[in-house]
Structures are given as structure tokens and as C-alpha cells.
Amino acid sequence: MEFTLRNNFNEYEIMEEFIVSHQDQKNREVLYDTIQGRGAFRRFKDKIIELGFDKQWYTYKESKIRQLVIEWCKEHNLEI
């Protein structure tokens, strides 16, 4: 069961959703450019720290992972 949950967790997609959630178009563009190509995760982490979005990112990411876990548990009839 653990394997299935891991396959449903795609941090890159969560980063893209986080970027889209920003109101400021310039920040969206900067962050989107940051996640292109090799080293995307490191550049993203560095850029969110530079822009002061790191706490917002970790809260967002935690919320998304929590949702995935809850959905997975429901799909497998597991009590949360």
C-alpha cells in the first residue's frame, strides 16, 4: 500500500500548483522559470527562500500531502 501512495505524490506538480496560486504574475513567471530543467527542486527552494515564500510553500505542500493521504486512506477503506 505504501508504494501506491508514493506514486500518487508528485512534488513537481505540487510546485506547479503552488506557483499558479500566486496572485502576482511576475512572481509566477520567476518561479515557473526556476523549475525548468535539471536542478529544478534546488533552484525552486533557493528562489522561494530569496522571495520570502518558503513558509508559505511548506504550509501549502503539507496541506497537499495531507489531502493525498486522506484520499488514499478513503480509497483503501482505512480509518484516518
N, C-alpha and C. Protein backbone atom coordinates (compact mmCIF):
# COMPACT_ATOMS: atom_id res chain seq x y z
N MET A 1 0.83 -1.20 0.00
CA MET A 1 0.00 0.00 0.00
C MET A 1 0.86 1.26 0.00
N GLU A 2 1.95 1.25 0.71
CA GLU A 2 2.82 2.42 0.78
C GLU A 2 3.31 2.81 -0.61
N PHE A 3 3.63 1.83 -1.43
CA PHE A 3 4.13 2.09 -2.78
C PHE A 3 3.14 2.89 -3.60
N THR A 4 1.86 2.56 -3.51
CA THR A 4 0.83 3.25 -4.26
C THR A 4 0.76 4.72 -3.86
N LEU A 5 0.83 5.00 -2.57
CA LEU A 5 0.76 6.38 -2.09
C LEU A 5 1.95 7.18 -2.63
N ARG A 6 3.12 6.59 -2.62
CA ARG A 6 4.28 7.29 -3.14
C ARG A 6 4.10 7.66 -4.60
N ASN A 7 3.51 6.77 -5.37
CA ASN A 7 3.31 7.06 -6.78
C ASN A 7 2.31 8.17 -7.01
N ASN A 8 1.41 8.41 -6.06
CA ASN A 8 0.43 9.47 -6.19
C ASN A 8 0.99 10.83 -5.78
N PHE A 9 2.15 10.86 -5.17
CA PHE A 9 2.75 12.09 -4.69
C PHE A 9 3.77 12.58 -5.71
N ASN A 10 3.49 13.70 -6.32
CA ASN A 10 4.38 14.27 -7.32
C ASN A 10 4.70 15.70 -6.90
N GLU A 11 5.86 15.87 -6.30
CA GLU A 11 6.23 17.18 -5.76
C GLU A 11 6.33 18.24 -6.86
N TYR A 12 6.75 17.84 -8.06
CA TYR A 12 6.84 18.80 -9.15
C TYR A 12 5.47 19.38 -9.46
N GLU A 13 4.44 18.53 -9.51
CA GLU A 13 3.08 19.03 -9.76
C GLU A 13 2.61 19.95 -8.64
N ILE A 14 2.98 19.63 -7.42
CA ILE A 14 2.60 20.48 -6.28
C ILE A 14 3.30 21.83 -6.40
N MET A 15 4.56 21.84 -6.85
CA MET A 15 5.26 23.11 -7.06
C MET A 15 4.54 23.93 -8.13
N GLU A 16 4.13 23.28 -9.22
CA GLU A 16 3.41 24.00 -10.28
C GLU A 16 2.10 24.58 -9.76
N GLU A 17 1.36 23.82 -8.96
CA GLU A 17 0.10 24.31 -8.39
C GLU A 17 0.35 25.49 -7.45
N PHE A 18 1.42 25.40 -6.68
CA PHE A 18 1.79 26.49 -5.77
C PHE A 18 2.08 27.76 -6.57
N ILE A 19 2.82 27.61 -7.65
CA ILE A 19 3.17 28.76 -8.49
C ILE A 19 1.91 29.39 -9.06
N VAL A 20 1.01 28.59 -9.58
CA VAL A 20 -0.23 29.09 -10.17
C VAL A 20 -1.08 29.81 -9.12
N SER A 21 -0.96 29.41 -7.87
CA SER A 21 -1.78 30.00 -6.81
C SER A 21 -1.37 31.43 -6.46
N HIS A 22 -0.20 31.86 -6.90
CA HIS A 22 0.26 33.22 -6.59
C HIS A 22 -0.48 34.26 -7.41
N GLN A 23 -0.82 35.35 -6.76
CA GLN A 23 -1.55 36.44 -7.40
C GLN A 23 -0.66 37.24 -8.34
N ASP A 24 0.57 37.45 -7.95
CA ASP A 24 1.49 38.31 -8.70
C ASP A 24 2.07 37.56 -9.91
N GLN A 25 1.78 38.06 -11.11
CA GLN A 25 2.21 37.40 -12.33
C GLN A 25 3.74 37.34 -12.44
N LYS A 26 4.42 38.39 -12.02
CA LYS A 26 5.88 38.40 -12.10
C LYS A 26 6.47 37.28 -11.24
N ASN A 27 5.95 37.11 -10.03
CA ASN A 27 6.44 36.03 -9.17
C ASN A 27 6.14 34.67 -9.78
N ARG A 28 4.96 34.53 -10.39
CA ARG A 28 4.62 33.26 -11.05
C ARG A 28 5.62 32.96 -12.16
N GLU A 29 5.93 33.96 -12.97
CA GLU A 29 6.87 33.77 -14.08
C GLU A 29 8.27 33.41 -13.57
N VAL A 30 8.73 34.13 -12.55
CA VAL A 30 10.06 33.86 -11.99
C VAL A 30 10.11 32.44 -11.43
N LEU A 31 9.10 32.06 -10.67
CA LEU A 31 9.09 30.73 -10.08
C LEU A 31 8.96 29.65 -11.15
N TYR A 32 8.13 29.88 -12.14
CA TYR A 32 7.97 28.90 -13.20
C TYR A 32 9.28 28.70 -13.96
N ASP A 33 9.98 29.78 -14.27
CA ASP A 33 11.28 29.68 -14.94
C ASP A 33 12.27 28.89 -14.08
N THR A 34 12.16 29.04 -12.78
CA THR A 34 13.06 28.39 -11.84
C THR A 34 12.94 26.87 -11.88
N ILE A 35 11.77 26.35 -12.18
CA ILE A 35 11.57 24.89 -12.13
C ILE A 35 11.76 24.20 -13.47
N GLN A 36 12.32 24.90 -14.44
CA GLN A 36 12.56 24.29 -15.74
C GLN A 36 13.94 23.61 -15.76
N GLY A 37 13.99 22.38 -16.23
CA GLY A 37 15.26 21.68 -16.42
C GLY A 37 15.83 21.04 -15.18
N ARG A 38 17.05 20.54 -15.34
CA ARG A 38 17.75 19.86 -14.24
C ARG A 38 18.00 20.83 -13.09
N GLY A 39 17.91 20.30 -11.88
CA GLY A 39 18.16 21.11 -10.69
C GLY A 39 16.98 21.96 -10.28
N ALA A 40 15.80 21.63 -10.82
CA ALA A 40 14.60 22.43 -10.57
C ALA A 40 14.26 22.52 -9.08
N PHE A 41 14.38 21.41 -8.36
CA PHE A 41 13.99 21.41 -6.95
C PHE A 41 14.91 22.31 -6.13
N ARG A 42 16.21 22.26 -6.38
CA ARG A 42 17.16 23.09 -5.65
C ARG A 42 16.94 24.58 -5.98
N ARG A 43 16.78 24.88 -7.28
CA ARG A 43 16.56 26.28 -7.66
C ARG A 43 15.25 26.81 -7.07
N PHE A 44 14.22 25.98 -7.09
CA PHE A 44 12.93 26.39 -6.52
C PHE A 44 13.10 26.70 -5.04
N LYS A 45 13.75 25.81 -4.31
CA LYS A 45 13.96 26.02 -2.87
C LYS A 45 14.74 27.33 -2.63
N ASP A 46 15.80 27.53 -3.38
CA ASP A 46 16.60 28.76 -3.22
C ASP A 46 15.77 30.00 -3.53
N LYS A 47 14.95 29.93 -4.58
CA LYS A 47 14.18 31.10 -5.01
C LYS A 47 13.07 31.43 -4.02
N ILE A 48 12.38 30.41 -3.48
CA ILE A 48 11.31 30.72 -2.51
C ILE A 48 11.89 31.31 -1.24
N ILE A 49 13.09 30.90 -0.88
CA ILE A 49 13.74 31.50 0.29
C ILE A 49 14.08 32.96 -0.02
N GLU A 50 14.65 33.18 -1.20
CA GLU A 50 15.02 34.53 -1.63
C GLU A 50 13.80 35.46 -1.66
N LEU A 51 12.66 34.95 -2.14
CA LEU A 51 11.44 35.76 -2.26
C LEU A 51 10.63 35.81 -0.96
N GLY A 52 11.03 35.02 0.03
CA GLY A 52 10.31 35.01 1.31
C GLY A 52 9.04 34.18 1.28
N PHE A 53 8.96 33.21 0.36
CA PHE A 53 7.77 32.36 0.23
C PHE A 53 7.97 30.99 0.86
N ASP A 54 9.10 30.75 1.52
CA ASP A 54 9.40 29.42 1.99
C ASP A 54 8.38 28.89 3.01
N LYS A 55 7.97 29.70 3.97
CA LYS A 55 6.97 29.24 4.95
C LYS A 55 5.64 28.97 4.26
N GLN A 56 5.28 29.84 3.32
CA GLN A 56 4.04 29.66 2.56
C GLN A 56 4.11 28.36 1.76
N TRP A 57 5.24 28.06 1.14
CA TRP A 57 5.42 26.84 0.36
C TRP A 57 5.27 25.60 1.23
N TYR A 58 5.95 25.58 2.37
CA TYR A 58 5.91 24.38 3.21
C TYR A 58 4.51 24.15 3.78
N THR A 59 3.78 25.21 4.08
CA THR A 59 2.39 25.07 4.52
C THR A 59 1.53 24.52 3.39
N TYR A 60 1.72 25.05 2.19
CA TYR A 60 0.97 24.60 1.01
C TYR A 60 1.27 23.12 0.72
N LYS A 61 2.55 22.78 0.71
CA LYS A 61 2.96 21.41 0.42
C LYS A 61 2.40 20.44 1.45
N GLU A 62 2.48 20.79 2.72
CA GLU A 62 1.96 19.93 3.78
C GLU A 62 0.46 19.70 3.61
N SER A 63 -0.26 20.75 3.27
CA SER A 63 -1.70 20.64 3.05
C SER A 63 -2.01 19.70 1.90
N LYS A 64 -1.28 19.83 0.79
CA LYS A 64 -1.50 18.96 -0.37
C LYS A 64 -1.19 17.50 -0.04
N ILE A 65 -0.10 17.26 0.67
CA ILE A 65 0.25 15.89 1.04
C ILE A 65 -0.80 15.31 1.97
N ARG A 66 -1.27 16.11 2.91
CA ARG A 66 -2.32 15.67 3.83
C ARG A 66 -3.57 15.26 3.04
N GLN A 67 -3.94 16.06 2.05
CA GLN A 67 -5.11 15.73 1.21
C GLN A 67 -4.89 14.41 0.49
N LEU A 68 -3.71 14.20 -0.06
CA LEU A 68 -3.41 12.95 -0.76
C LEU A 68 -3.51 11.75 0.17
N VAL A 69 -2.99 11.89 1.38
CA VAL A 69 -3.03 10.80 2.35
C VAL A 69 -4.47 10.48 2.73
N ILE A 70 -5.26 11.50 2.98
CA ILE A 70 -6.67 11.30 3.34
C ILE A 70 -7.41 10.61 2.20
N GLU A 71 -7.22 11.07 0.99
CA GLU A 71 -7.88 10.45 -0.17
C GLU A 71 -7.45 9.00 -0.32
N TRP A 72 -6.16 8.74 -0.17
CA TRP A 72 -5.64 7.39 -0.31
C TRP A 72 -6.24 6.47 0.75
N CYS A 73 -6.30 6.96 1.97
CA CYS A 73 -6.89 6.15 3.05
C CYS A 73 -8.35 5.84 2.77
N LYS A 74 -9.09 6.81 2.30
CA LYS A 74 -10.50 6.60 1.97
C LYS A 74 -10.64 5.57 0.86
N GLU A 75 -9.81 5.67 -0.17
CA GLU A 75 -9.87 4.74 -1.29
C GLU A 75 -9.57 3.30 -0.85
N HIS A 76 -8.78 3.15 0.21
CA HIS A 76 -8.40 1.83 0.69
C HIS A 76 -9.14 1.43 1.97
N ASN A 77 -10.22 2.16 2.24
CA ASN A 77 -11.07 1.88 3.40
C ASN A 77 -10.28 1.81 4.71
N LEU A 78 -9.36 2.74 4.86
CA LEU A 78 -8.57 2.82 6.09
C LEU A 78 -9.05 3.99 6.92
N GLU A 79 -9.13 3.76 8.21
CA GLU A 79 -9.55 4.82 9.11
C GLU A 79 -8.39 5.79 9.32
N ILE A 80 -8.71 7.04 9.32
CA ILE A 80 -7.68 8.08 9.47
C ILE A 80 -7.49 8.41 10.94
